[in-house]
PDB file of N, CA and C in Angstrom:
ATOM      1  N   MET A   1      37.479  -8.978 -14.703  1.00  0.00           N
ATOM      2  CA  MET A   1      36.217  -9.675 -14.898  1.00  0.00           C
ATOM      3  C   MET A   1      35.470  -8.994 -16.046  1.00  0.00           C
ATOM      4  N   PRO A   2      35.079  -9.730 -17.084  1.00  0.00           N
ATOM      5  CA  PRO A   2      34.397  -9.122 -18.226  1.00  0.00           C
ATOM      6  C   PRO A   2      32.963  -8.708 -17.873  1.00  0.00           C
ATOM      7  N   ARG A   3      32.542  -7.618 -18.483  1.00  0.00           N
ATOM      8  CA  ARG A   3      31.175  -7.142 -18.287  1.00  0.00           C
ATOM      9  C   ARG A   3      30.205  -8.011 -19.072  1.00  0.00           C
ATOM     10  N   PRO A   4      29.039  -8.304 -18.510  1.00  0.00           N
ATOM     11  CA  PRO A   4      28.060  -9.090 -19.263  1.00  0.00           C
ATOM     12  C   PRO A   4      27.521  -8.258 -20.432  1.00  0.00           C
ATOM     13  N   HIS A   5      27.316  -8.896 -21.556  1.00  0.00           N
ATOM     14  CA  HIS A   5      26.814  -8.214 -22.749  1.00  0.00           C
ATOM     15  C   HIS A   5      25.287  -8.128 -22.672  1.00  0.00           C
ATOM     16  N   LEU A   6      24.764  -6.904 -22.740  1.00  0.00           N
ATOM     17  CA  LEU A   6      23.317  -6.699 -22.696  1.00  0.00           C
ATOM     18  C   LEU A   6      22.789  -6.500 -24.110  1.00  0.00           C
ATOM     19  N   ASN A   7      21.611  -6.988 -24.358  1.00  0.00           N
ATOM     20  CA  ASN A   7      20.959  -6.770 -25.634  1.00  0.00           C
ATOM     21  C   ASN A   7      20.574  -5.296 -25.733  1.00  0.00           C
ATOM     22  N   GLN A   8      21.130  -4.586 -26.713  1.00  0.00           N
ATOM     23  CA  GLN A   8      20.901  -3.148 -26.831  1.00  0.00           C
ATOM     24  C   GLN A   8      19.437  -2.811 -27.102  1.00  0.00           C
ATOM     25  N   LYS A   9      18.749  -3.632 -27.847  1.00  0.00           N
ATOM     26  CA  LYS A   9      17.326  -3.382 -28.117  1.00  0.00           C
ATOM     27  C   LYS A   9      16.519  -3.458 -26.831  1.00  0.00           C
ATOM     28  N   LEU A  10      16.843  -4.395 -25.979  1.00  0.00           N
ATOM     29  CA  LEU A  10      16.144  -4.524 -24.700  1.00  0.00           C
ATOM     30  C   LEU A  10      16.440  -3.333 -23.798  1.00  0.00           C
ATOM     31  N   VAL A  11      17.673  -2.898 -23.772  1.00  0.00           N
ATOM     32  CA  VAL A  11      18.057  -1.753 -22.940  1.00  0.00           C
ATOM     33  C   VAL A  11      17.325  -0.494 -23.401  1.00  0.00           C
ATOM     34  N   VAL A  12      17.283  -0.269 -24.711  1.00  0.00           N
ATOM     35  CA  VAL A  12      16.585   0.910 -25.247  1.00  0.00           C
ATOM     36  C   VAL A  12      15.096   0.841 -24.926  1.00  0.00           C
ATOM     37  N   ALA A  13      14.501  -0.324 -25.047  1.00  0.00           N
ATOM     38  CA  ALA A  13      13.075  -0.479 -24.749  1.00  0.00           C
ATOM     39  C   ALA A  13      12.784  -0.202 -23.278  1.00  0.00           C
ATOM     40  N   VAL A  14      13.630  -0.690 -22.391  1.00  0.00           N
ATOM     41  CA  VAL A  14      13.423  -0.461 -20.952  1.00  0.00           C
ATOM     42  C   VAL A  14      13.575   1.020 -20.615  1.00  0.00           C
ATOM     43  N   VAL A  15      14.573   1.665 -21.181  1.00  0.00           N
ATOM     44  CA  VAL A  15      14.771   3.090 -20.920  1.00  0.00           C
ATOM     45  C   VAL A  15      13.601   3.903 -21.466  1.00  0.00           C
ATOM     46  N   TYR A  16      13.121   3.566 -22.644  1.00  0.00           N
ATOM     47  CA  TYR A  16      12.002   4.291 -23.247  1.00  0.00           C
ATOM     48  C   TYR A  16      10.725   4.142 -22.423  1.00  0.00           C
ATOM     49  N   VAL A  17      10.414   2.929 -22.024  1.00  0.00           N
ATOM     50  CA  VAL A  17       9.212   2.697 -21.221  1.00  0.00           C
ATOM     51  C   VAL A  17       9.322   3.401 -19.869  1.00  0.00           C
ATOM     52  N   SER A  18      10.498   3.360 -19.267  1.00  0.00           N
ATOM     53  CA  SER A  18      10.710   4.052 -17.991  1.00  0.00           C
ATOM     54  C   SER A  18      10.533   5.557 -18.148  1.00  0.00           C
ATOM     55  N   ALA A  19      11.037   6.112 -19.241  1.00  0.00           N
ATOM     56  CA  ALA A  19      10.892   7.551 -19.486  1.00  0.00           C
ATOM     57  C   ALA A  19       9.427   7.935 -19.692  1.00  0.00           C
ATOM     58  N   MET A  20       8.674   7.098 -20.402  1.00  0.00           N
ATOM     59  CA  MET A  20       7.249   7.384 -20.595  1.00  0.00           C
ATOM     60  C   MET A  20       6.489   7.322 -19.275  1.00  0.00           C
ATOM     61  N   LEU A  21       6.836   6.368 -18.426  1.00  0.00           N
ATOM     62  CA  LEU A  21       6.202   6.266 -17.116  1.00  0.00           C
ATOM     63  C   LEU A  21       6.525   7.497 -16.270  1.00  0.00           C
ATOM     64  N   MET A  22       7.767   7.906 -16.264  1.00  0.00           N
ATOM     65  CA  MET A  22       8.163   9.077 -15.483  1.00  0.00           C
ATOM     66  C   MET A  22       7.499  10.346 -16.019  1.00  0.00           C
ATOM     67  N   SER A  23       7.340  10.427 -17.329  1.00  0.00           N
ATOM     68  CA  SER A  23       6.674  11.585 -17.919  1.00  0.00           C
ATOM     69  C   SER A  23       5.220  11.672 -17.466  1.00  0.00           C
ATOM     70  N   SER A  24       4.528  10.555 -17.441  1.00  0.00           N
ATOM     71  CA  SER A  24       3.134  10.589 -16.993  1.00  0.00           C
ATOM     72  C   SER A  24       3.049  10.881 -15.494  1.00  0.00           C
ATOM     73  N   LEU A  25       3.984  10.390 -14.718  1.00  0.00           N
ATOM     74  CA  LEU A  25       4.007  10.709 -13.291  1.00  0.00           C
ATOM     75  C   LEU A  25       4.309  12.185 -13.064  1.00  0.00           C
ATOM     76  N   ASP A  26       5.237  12.731 -13.851  1.00  0.00           N
ATOM     77  CA  ASP A  26       5.574  14.142 -13.716  1.00  0.00           C
ATOM     78  C   ASP A  26       4.374  15.042 -13.972  1.00  0.00           C
ATOM     79  N   SER A  27       3.571  14.663 -14.951  1.00  0.00           N
ATOM     80  CA  SER A  27       2.440  15.530 -15.294  1.00  0.00           C
ATOM     81  C   SER A  27       1.324  15.476 -14.255  1.00  0.00           C
ATOM     82  N   THR A  28       1.289  14.449 -13.414  1.00  0.00           N
ATOM     83  CA  THR A  28       0.194  14.334 -12.454  1.00  0.00           C
ATOM     84  C   THR A  28       0.599  14.584 -11.010  1.00  0.00           C
ATOM     85  N   ILE A  29       1.841  14.342 -10.664  1.00  0.00           N
ATOM     86  CA  ILE A  29       2.211  14.362  -9.251  1.00  0.00           C
ATOM     87  C   ILE A  29       2.128  15.765  -8.641  1.00  0.00           C
ATOM     88  N   VAL A  30       2.486  16.775  -9.398  1.00  0.00           N
ATOM     89  CA  VAL A  30       2.404  18.141  -8.868  1.00  0.00           C
ATOM     90  C   VAL A  30       0.955  18.549  -8.695  1.00  0.00           C
ATOM     91  N   ASN A  31       0.106  18.207  -9.652  1.00  0.00           N
ATOM     92  CA  ASN A  31      -1.307  18.582  -9.544  1.00  0.00           C
ATOM     93  C   ASN A  31      -1.994  17.894  -8.372  1.00  0.00           C
ATOM     94  N   VAL A  32      -1.579  16.701  -8.033  1.00  0.00           N
ATOM     95  CA  VAL A  32      -2.160  16.008  -6.884  1.00  0.00           C
ATOM     96  C   VAL A  32      -1.784  16.711  -5.586  1.00  0.00           C
ATOM     97  N   ALA A  33      -0.580  17.239  -5.527  1.00  0.00           N
ATOM     98  CA  ALA A  33      -0.095  17.859  -4.296  1.00  0.00           C
ATOM     99  C   ALA A  33      -0.569  19.302  -4.112  1.00  0.00           C
ATOM    100  N   LEU A  34      -1.204  19.911  -5.103  1.00  0.00           N
ATOM    101  CA  LEU A  34      -1.579  21.326  -5.013  1.00  0.00           C
ATOM    102  C   LEU A  34      -2.527  21.625  -3.854  1.00  0.00           C
ATOM    103  N   ALA A  35      -3.515  20.804  -3.642  1.00  0.00           N
ATOM    104  CA  ALA A  35      -4.466  21.066  -2.552  1.00  0.00           C
ATOM    105  C   ALA A  35      -3.771  21.023  -1.200  1.00  0.00           C
ATOM    106  N   THR A  36      -2.909  20.060  -1.002  1.00  0.00           N
ATOM    107  CA  THR A  36      -2.174  19.957   0.261  1.00  0.00           C
ATOM    108  C   THR A  36      -1.222  21.126   0.438  1.00  0.00           C
ATOM    109  N   LEU A  37      -0.527  21.510  -0.624  1.00  0.00           N
ATOM    110  CA  LEU A  37       0.374  22.666  -0.546  1.00  0.00           C
ATOM    111  C   LEU A  37      -0.390  23.938  -0.190  1.00  0.00           C
ATOM    112  N   GLY A  38      -1.554  24.108  -0.801  1.00  0.00           N
ATOM    113  CA  GLY A  38      -2.368  25.288  -0.502  1.00  0.00           C
ATOM    114  C   GLY A  38      -2.816  25.331   0.956  1.00  0.00           C
ATOM    115  N   ARG A  39      -3.218  24.184   1.494  1.00  0.00           N
ATOM    116  CA  ARG A  39      -3.638  24.130   2.898  1.00  0.00           C
ATOM    117  C   ARG A  39      -2.459  24.357   3.839  1.00  0.00           C
ATOM    118  N   GLU A  40      -1.345  23.704   3.571  1.00  0.00           N
ATOM    119  CA  GLU A  40      -0.189  23.798   4.464  1.00  0.00           C
ATOM    120  C   GLU A  40       0.400  25.206   4.520  1.00  0.00           C
ATOM    121  N   PHE A  41       0.432  25.878   3.370  1.00  0.00           N
ATOM    122  CA  PHE A  41       1.031  27.213   3.323  1.00  0.00           C
ATOM    123  C   PHE A  41      -0.010  28.321   3.396  1.00  0.00           C
ATOM    124  N   ASN A  42      -1.279  27.951   3.530  1.00  0.00           N
ATOM    125  CA  ASN A  42      -2.370  28.908   3.690  1.00  0.00           C
ATOM    126  C   ASN A  42      -2.381  29.955   2.574  1.00  0.00           C
ATOM    127  N   VAL A  43      -2.398  29.464   1.340  1.00  0.00           N
ATOM    128  CA  VAL A  43      -2.435  30.350   0.171  1.00  0.00           C
ATOM    129  C   VAL A  43      -3.629  29.979  -0.695  1.00  0.00           C
ATOM    130  N   THR A  44      -4.005  30.898  -1.565  1.00  0.00           N
ATOM    131  CA  THR A  44      -5.136  30.666  -2.457  1.00  0.00           C
ATOM    132  C   THR A  44      -4.717  29.752  -3.608  1.00  0.00           C
ATOM    133  N   PRO A  45      -5.681  29.090  -4.221  1.00  0.00           N
ATOM    134  CA  PRO A  45      -5.345  28.220  -5.358  1.00  0.00           C
ATOM    135  C   PRO A  45      -4.698  28.979  -6.522  1.00  0.00           C
ATOM    136  N   ALA A  46      -5.085  30.236  -6.706  1.00  0.00           N
ATOM    137  CA  ALA A  46      -4.496  31.010  -7.807  1.00  0.00           C
ATOM    138  C   ALA A  46      -3.003  31.244  -7.589  1.00  0.00           C
ATOM    139  N   SER A  47      -2.620  31.482  -6.347  1.00  0.00           N
ATOM    140  CA  SER A  47      -1.204  31.733  -6.101  1.00  0.00           C
ATOM    141  C   SER A  47      -0.378  30.449  -6.062  1.00  0.00           C
ATOM    142  N   ILE A  48      -1.010  29.329  -5.773  1.00  0.00           N
ATOM    143  CA  ILE A  48      -0.268  28.069  -5.746  1.00  0.00           C
ATOM    144  C   ILE A  48       0.016  27.569  -7.163  1.00  0.00           C
ATOM    145  N   GLU A  49      -0.664  28.113  -8.163  1.00  0.00           N
ATOM    146  CA  GLU A  49      -0.397  27.738  -9.549  1.00  0.00           C
ATOM    147  C   GLU A  49       1.023  28.104  -9.970  1.00  0.00           C
ATOM    148  N   ALA A  50       1.661  29.006  -9.247  1.00  0.00           N
ATOM    149  CA  ALA A  50       3.060  29.332  -9.538  1.00  0.00           C
ATOM    150  C   ALA A  50       3.950  28.108  -9.348  1.00  0.00           C
ATOM    151  N   VAL A  51       3.528  27.186  -8.492  1.00  0.00           N
ATOM    152  CA  VAL A  51       4.281  25.947  -8.302  1.00  0.00           C
ATOM    153  C   VAL A  51       4.281  25.139  -9.594  1.00  0.00           C
ATOM    154  N   VAL A  52       3.144  25.058 -10.251  1.00  0.00           N
ATOM    155  CA  VAL A  52       3.051  24.306 -11.502  1.00  0.00           C
ATOM    156  C   VAL A  52       3.924  24.951 -12.566  1.00  0.00           C
ATOM    157  N   ILE A  53       3.870  26.262 -12.669  1.00  0.00           N
ATOM    158  CA  ILE A  53       4.676  26.964 -13.662  1.00  0.00           C
ATOM    159  C   ILE A  53       6.165  26.780 -13.373  1.00  0.00           C
ATOM    160  N   GLY A  54       6.562  26.924 -12.120  1.00  0.00           N
ATOM    161  CA  GLY A  54       7.965  26.726 -11.761  1.00  0.00           C
ATOM    162  C   GLY A  54       8.427  25.307 -12.023  1.00  0.00           C
ATOM    163  N   TYR A  55       7.568  24.344 -11.757  1.00  0.00           N
ATOM    164  CA  TYR A  55       7.916  22.946 -12.008  1.00  0.00           C
ATOM    165  C   TYR A  55       8.113  22.698 -13.491  1.00  0.00           C
ATOM    166  N   LEU A  56       7.210  23.214 -14.314  1.00  0.00           N
ATOM    167  CA  LEU A  56       7.329  22.999 -15.757  1.00  0.00           C
ATOM    168  C   LEU A  56       8.546  23.708 -16.335  1.00  0.00           C
ATOM    169  N   VAL A  57       8.858  24.893 -15.826  1.00  0.00           N
ATOM    170  CA  VAL A  57      10.050  25.604 -16.299  1.00  0.00           C
ATOM    171  C   VAL A  57      11.313  24.838 -15.922  1.00  0.00           C
ATOM    172  N   SER A  58      11.369  24.331 -14.699  1.00  0.00           N
ATOM    173  CA  SER A  58      12.550  23.562 -14.298  1.00  0.00           C
ATOM    174  C   SER A  58      12.654  22.261 -15.088  1.00  0.00           C
ATOM    175  N   LEU A  59      11.539  21.637 -15.396  1.00  0.00           N
ATOM    176  CA  LEU A  59      11.551  20.425 -16.209  1.00  0.00           C
ATOM    177  C   LEU A  59      12.035  20.733 -17.625  1.00  0.00           C
ATOM    178  N   ALA A  60      11.560  21.854 -18.178  1.00  0.00           N
ATOM    179  CA  ALA A  60      11.984  22.244 -19.528  1.00  0.00           C
ATOM    180  C   ALA A  60      13.472  22.582 -19.573  1.00  0.00           C
ATOM    181  N   ALA A  61      14.025  23.067 -18.479  1.00  0.00           N
ATOM    182  CA  ALA A  61      15.459  23.355 -18.449  1.00  0.00           C
ATOM    183  C   ALA A  61      16.271  22.094 -18.218  1.00  0.00           C
ATOM    184  N   PHE A  62      15.735  21.141 -17.475  1.00  0.00           N
ATOM    185  CA  PHE A  62      16.479  19.931 -17.145  1.00  0.00           C
ATOM    186  C   PHE A  62      16.581  18.963 -18.310  1.00  0.00           C
ATOM    187  N   ILE A  63      15.565  18.897 -19.154  1.00  0.00           N
ATOM    188  CA  ILE A  63      15.573  17.936 -20.260  1.00  0.00           C
ATOM    189  C   ILE A  63      16.738  18.189 -21.222  1.00  0.00           C
ATOM    190  N   PRO A  64      16.943  19.409 -21.729  1.00  0.00           N
ATOM    191  CA  PRO A  64      18.108  19.610 -22.606  1.00  0.00           C
ATOM    192  C   PRO A  64      19.434  19.443 -21.860  1.00  0.00           C
ATOM    193  N   ALA A  65      19.468  19.843 -20.596  1.00  0.00           N
ATOM    194  CA  ALA A  65      20.708  19.693 -19.823  1.00  0.00           C
ATOM    195  C   ALA A  65      21.053  18.219 -19.637  1.00  0.00           C
ATOM    196  N   SER A  66      20.065  17.384 -19.392  1.00  0.00           N
ATOM    197  CA  SER A  66      20.351  15.954 -19.228  1.00  0.00           C
ATOM    198  C   SER A  66      20.772  15.335 -20.551  1.00  0.00           C
ATOM    199  N   GLY A  67      20.226  15.811 -21.657  1.00  0.00           N
ATOM    200  CA  GLY A  67      20.669  15.326 -22.965  1.00  0.00           C
ATOM    201  C   GLY A  67      22.117  15.694 -23.231  1.00  0.00           C
ATOM    202  N   TRP A  68      22.484  16.920 -22.886  1.00  0.00           N
ATOM    203  CA  TRP A  68      23.871  17.356 -23.064  1.00  0.00           C
ATOM    204  C   TRP A  68      24.808  16.527 -22.173  1.00  0.00           C
ATOM    205  N   LEU A  69      24.401  16.300 -20.922  1.00  0.00           N
ATOM    206  CA  LEU A  69      25.224  15.495 -20.026  1.00  0.00           C
ATOM    207  C   LEU A  69      25.379  14.069 -20.535  1.00  0.00           C
ATOM    208  N   GLY A  70      24.311  13.522 -21.096  1.00  0.00           N
ATOM    209  CA  GLY A  70      24.398  12.181 -21.663  1.00  0.00           C
ATOM    210  C   GLY A  70      25.348  12.115 -22.846  1.00  0.00           C
ATOM    211  N   ASP A  71      25.299  13.143 -23.713  1.00  0.00           N
ATOM    212  CA  ASP A  71      26.220  13.182 -24.837  1.00  0.00           C
ATOM    213  C   ASP A  71      27.658  13.398 -24.384  1.00  0.00           C
ATOM    214  N   ARG A  72      27.821  14.223 -23.380  1.00  0.00           N
ATOM    215  CA  ARG A  72      29.164  14.582 -22.936  1.00  0.00           C
ATOM    216  C   ARG A  72      29.842  13.444 -22.171  1.00  0.00           C
ATOM    217  N   PHE A  73      29.116  12.809 -21.266  1.00  0.00           N
ATOM    218  CA  PHE A  73      29.726  11.818 -20.376  1.00  0.00           C
ATOM    219  C   PHE A  73      29.284  10.384 -20.666  1.00  0.00           C
ATOM    220  N   GLY A  74      28.357  10.226 -21.595  1.00  0.00           N
ATOM    221  CA  GLY A  74      27.969   8.875 -21.984  1.00  0.00           C
ATOM    222  C   GLY A  74      26.946   8.237 -21.202  1.00  0.00           C
TER     223      GLY A  74
END
């Protein structure tokens, strides 16, 4: 059964818009959860900021890794 041909411009546009949406969600979702995390784990706001730093470091490591995986496996 032949695969349906997708318009490449449309596919690129959908992926780009989805990535921009996920980027804006990434920047806000951790900050929204900080107050709840602080209450649940009974820690001060200063110490819960390590969550933000850890999240950003993991995001910075995942972006190049996902690019490499995309190049390697398509």
